Amino acid sequence: MTKTGIVVTLAMMGLLQACATTPQQQRQVGCVGAGVAGALAGAAVGNQLGGGSGNDILTAGGAVAGGVAANNAAGC
């Protein structure tokens, strides 16, 4: 995904949260946003480590770990 795609995705999540009418809907959108942002951050960190096929494994692992950590931190 390109940087532009990431920015557009995060902007859309913010707009969806603003359009949510109930606190429960806002929380659900916020949880998705936290998970996506955490996964992107984890993938970026994992991508910086390792080399070759190990780089792919660390990128995927970083994305999973970042998503889970962000959801836990957001209380989802």
N, C-alpha and C. Protein backbone atom coordinates (compact mmCIF):
# COMPACT_ATOMS: atom_id res chain seq x y z
N MET A 1 0.85 -1.18 0.00
CA MET A 1 0.00 0.00 0.00
C MET A 1 0.89 1.24 0.00
N THR A 2 0.53 2.21 -0.79
CA THR A 2 1.31 3.43 -0.89
C THR A 2 1.01 4.35 0.30
N LYS A 3 1.87 5.32 0.46
CA LYS A 3 1.65 6.28 1.55
C LYS A 3 0.33 7.03 1.36
N THR A 4 0.01 7.34 0.12
CA THR A 4 -1.25 8.04 -0.16
C THR A 4 -2.44 7.17 0.24
N GLY A 5 -2.37 5.88 -0.08
CA GLY A 5 -3.44 4.96 0.29
C GLY A 5 -3.62 4.86 1.79
N ILE A 6 -2.51 4.86 2.51
CA ILE A 6 -2.57 4.79 3.97
C ILE A 6 -3.22 6.05 4.53
N VAL A 7 -2.83 7.20 4.03
CA VAL A 7 -3.39 8.46 4.51
C VAL A 7 -4.89 8.52 4.21
N VAL A 8 -5.28 8.10 3.01
CA VAL A 8 -6.70 8.11 2.65
C VAL A 8 -7.49 7.17 3.54
N THR A 9 -6.94 5.98 3.81
CA THR A 9 -7.62 5.01 4.67
C THR A 9 -7.82 5.57 6.08
N LEU A 10 -6.79 6.16 6.64
CA LEU A 10 -6.90 6.72 7.99
C LEU A 10 -7.88 7.90 8.01
N ALA A 11 -7.88 8.72 6.97
CA ALA A 11 -8.82 9.83 6.90
C ALA A 11 -10.26 9.33 6.83
N MET A 12 -10.48 8.28 6.05
CA MET A 12 -11.83 7.71 5.95
C MET A 12 -12.30 7.16 7.29
N MET A 13 -11.39 6.55 8.05
CA MET A 13 -11.77 6.04 9.37
C MET A 13 -12.18 7.19 10.29
N GLY A 14 -11.47 8.29 10.20
CA GLY A 14 -11.84 9.45 11.00
C GLY A 14 -13.20 10.00 10.62
N LEU A 15 -13.48 10.04 9.33
CA LEU A 15 -14.79 10.52 8.87
C LEU A 15 -15.90 9.56 9.29
N LEU A 16 -15.65 8.26 9.21
CA LEU A 16 -16.66 7.29 9.64
C LEU A 16 -16.97 7.44 11.12
N GLN A 17 -15.94 7.68 11.92
CA GLN A 17 -16.17 7.84 13.34
C GLN A 17 -17.00 9.11 13.61
N ALA A 18 -16.76 10.15 12.84
CA ALA A 18 -17.52 11.39 13.02
C ALA A 18 -18.98 11.20 12.62
N CYS A 19 -19.25 10.29 11.68
CA CYS A 19 -20.62 10.05 11.23
C CYS A 19 -21.39 9.07 12.12
N ALA A 20 -20.69 8.36 12.97
CA ALA A 20 -21.34 7.39 13.84
C ALA A 20 -22.29 8.13 14.79
N THR A 21 -23.46 7.55 14.99
CA THR A 21 -24.48 8.26 15.77
C THR A 21 -24.53 7.84 17.23
N THR A 22 -24.03 6.66 17.55
CA THR A 22 -24.08 6.20 18.94
C THR A 22 -22.67 6.01 19.47
N PRO A 23 -22.51 6.08 20.78
CA PRO A 23 -21.18 5.83 21.36
C PRO A 23 -20.64 4.43 21.01
N GLN A 24 -21.53 3.45 20.90
CA GLN A 24 -21.09 2.10 20.55
C GLN A 24 -20.50 2.08 19.14
N GLN A 25 -21.14 2.76 18.20
CA GLN A 25 -20.62 2.83 16.83
C GLN A 25 -19.28 3.56 16.79
N GLN A 26 -19.17 4.63 17.55
CA GLN A 26 -17.91 5.37 17.60
C GLN A 26 -16.80 4.50 18.16
N ARG A 27 -17.11 3.71 19.17
CA ARG A 27 -16.12 2.82 19.77
C ARG A 27 -15.68 1.75 18.77
N GLN A 28 -16.62 1.20 18.01
CA GLN A 28 -16.27 0.17 17.03
C GLN A 28 -15.35 0.73 15.95
N VAL A 29 -15.66 1.92 15.45
CA VAL A 29 -14.81 2.54 14.43
C VAL A 29 -13.45 2.87 15.03
N GLY A 30 -13.44 3.33 16.27
CA GLY A 30 -12.18 3.64 16.93
C GLY A 30 -11.31 2.40 17.13
N CYS A 31 -11.94 1.27 17.43
CA CYS A 31 -11.20 0.03 17.59
C CYS A 31 -10.59 -0.42 16.27
N VAL A 32 -11.33 -0.27 15.19
CA VAL A 32 -10.79 -0.62 13.88
C VAL A 32 -9.62 0.29 13.54
N GLY A 33 -9.78 1.57 13.80
CA GLY A 33 -8.71 2.52 13.53
C GLY A 33 -7.46 2.22 14.34
N ALA A 34 -7.64 1.87 15.60
CA ALA A 34 -6.49 1.53 16.44
C ALA A 34 -5.79 0.29 15.91
N GLY A 35 -6.56 -0.71 15.53
CA GLY A 35 -5.97 -1.94 15.02
C GLY A 35 -5.19 -1.71 13.73
N VAL A 36 -5.76 -0.93 12.83
CA VAL A 36 -5.09 -0.65 11.55
C VAL A 36 -3.83 0.18 11.77
N ALA A 37 -3.93 1.20 12.59
CA ALA A 37 -2.76 2.04 12.85
C ALA A 37 -1.65 1.24 13.53
N GLY A 38 -2.02 0.39 14.48
CA GLY A 38 -1.03 -0.45 15.15
C GLY A 38 -0.39 -1.45 14.21
N ALA A 39 -1.21 -2.03 13.33
CA ALA A 39 -0.68 -2.98 12.36
C ALA A 39 0.29 -2.30 11.39
N LEU A 40 -0.04 -1.09 10.95
CA LEU A 40 0.86 -0.36 10.05
C LEU A 40 2.17 -0.01 10.74
N ALA A 41 2.07 0.43 11.98
CA ALA A 41 3.29 0.76 12.73
C ALA A 41 4.14 -0.48 12.98
N GLY A 42 3.49 -1.58 13.36
CA GLY A 42 4.22 -2.82 13.59
C GLY A 42 4.88 -3.35 12.33
N ALA A 43 4.18 -3.25 11.21
CA ALA A 43 4.75 -3.70 9.94
C ALA A 43 5.94 -2.83 9.55
N ALA A 44 5.85 -1.54 9.79
CA ALA A 44 6.97 -0.65 9.46
C ALA A 44 8.20 -0.99 10.29
N VAL A 45 8.00 -1.27 11.57
CA VAL A 45 9.13 -1.64 12.43
C VAL A 45 9.68 -3.00 12.02
N GLY A 46 8.80 -3.97 11.79
CA GLY A 46 9.25 -5.29 11.39
C GLY A 46 9.97 -5.28 10.07
N ASN A 47 9.59 -4.41 9.17
CA ASN A 47 10.22 -4.32 7.85
C ASN A 47 11.67 -3.83 7.95
N GLN A 48 11.97 -3.09 8.99
CA GLN A 48 13.32 -2.57 9.17
C GLN A 48 14.30 -3.63 9.67
N LEU A 49 13.78 -4.75 10.14
CA LEU A 49 14.61 -5.80 10.71
C LEU A 49 14.75 -6.96 9.73
N GLY A 50 15.80 -7.71 9.89
CA GLY A 50 15.98 -8.92 9.09
C GLY A 50 16.31 -8.62 7.64
N GLY A 51 16.44 -9.70 6.88
CA GLY A 51 16.74 -9.59 5.46
C GLY A 51 16.24 -10.81 4.73
N GLY A 52 16.01 -10.70 3.45
CA GLY A 52 15.52 -11.82 2.66
C GLY A 52 14.13 -12.24 3.09
N SER A 53 13.93 -13.56 3.18
CA SER A 53 12.61 -14.05 3.59
C SER A 53 12.33 -13.75 5.06
N GLY A 54 13.36 -13.57 5.85
CA GLY A 54 13.17 -13.19 7.25
C GLY A 54 12.53 -11.83 7.38
N ASN A 55 12.81 -10.97 6.44
CA ASN A 55 12.21 -9.63 6.44
C ASN A 55 10.70 -9.73 6.27
N ASP A 56 10.25 -10.60 5.37
CA ASP A 56 8.81 -10.79 5.16
C ASP A 56 8.13 -11.33 6.41
N ILE A 57 8.78 -12.28 7.06
CA ILE A 57 8.22 -12.88 8.27
C ILE A 57 8.13 -11.85 9.39
N LEU A 58 9.19 -11.05 9.55
CA LEU A 58 9.17 -10.03 10.60
C LEU A 58 8.16 -8.93 10.30
N THR A 59 7.98 -8.59 9.03
CA THR A 59 6.97 -7.59 8.67
C THR A 59 5.58 -8.08 9.03
N ALA A 60 5.28 -9.33 8.66
CA ALA A 60 3.96 -9.89 8.98
C ALA A 60 3.77 -10.02 10.49
N GLY A 61 4.79 -10.50 11.18
CA GLY A 61 4.71 -10.63 12.64
C GLY A 61 4.55 -9.28 13.32
N GLY A 62 5.24 -8.28 12.82
CA GLY A 62 5.11 -6.93 13.37
C GLY A 62 3.72 -6.37 13.17
N ALA A 63 3.13 -6.67 12.01
CA ALA A 63 1.77 -6.19 11.74
C ALA A 63 0.77 -6.82 12.70
N VAL A 64 0.90 -8.12 12.91
CA VAL A 64 -0.02 -8.82 13.84
C VAL A 64 0.18 -8.32 15.26
N ALA A 65 1.44 -8.25 15.70
CA ALA A 65 1.72 -7.81 17.06
C ALA A 65 1.28 -6.37 17.28
N GLY A 66 1.50 -5.50 16.31
CA GLY A 66 1.11 -4.10 16.43
C GLY A 66 -0.40 -3.95 16.50
N GLY A 67 -1.12 -4.71 15.68
CA GLY A 67 -2.58 -4.66 15.70
C GLY A 67 -3.15 -5.11 17.02
N VAL A 68 -2.61 -6.21 17.54
CA VAL A 68 -3.08 -6.74 18.83
C VAL A 68 -2.76 -5.77 19.96
N ALA A 69 -1.54 -5.25 19.96
CA ALA A 69 -1.14 -4.32 21.02
C ALA A 69 -1.99 -3.05 21.00
N ALA A 70 -2.28 -2.54 19.80
CA ALA A 70 -3.09 -1.33 19.70
C ALA A 70 -4.52 -1.58 20.16
N ASN A 71 -5.08 -2.72 19.81
CA ASN A 71 -6.43 -3.04 20.27
C ASN A 71 -6.48 -3.17 21.78
N ASN A 72 -5.49 -3.80 22.37
CA ASN A 72 -5.44 -3.92 23.83
C ASN A 72 -5.29 -2.55 24.48
N ALA A 73 -4.45 -1.70 23.91
CA ALA A 73 -4.24 -0.37 24.47
C ALA A 73 -5.49 0.50 24.38
N ALA A 74 -6.26 0.29 23.30
CA ALA A 74 -7.50 1.05 23.12
C ALA A 74 -8.66 0.49 23.93
N GLY A 75 -8.45 -0.65 24.56
CA GLY A 75 -9.51 -1.27 25.35
C GLY A 75 -10.57 -1.98 24.53
N CYS A 76 -10.19 -2.48 23.40
CA CYS A 76 -11.14 -3.15 22.50
C CYS A 76 -11.18 -4.64 22.76
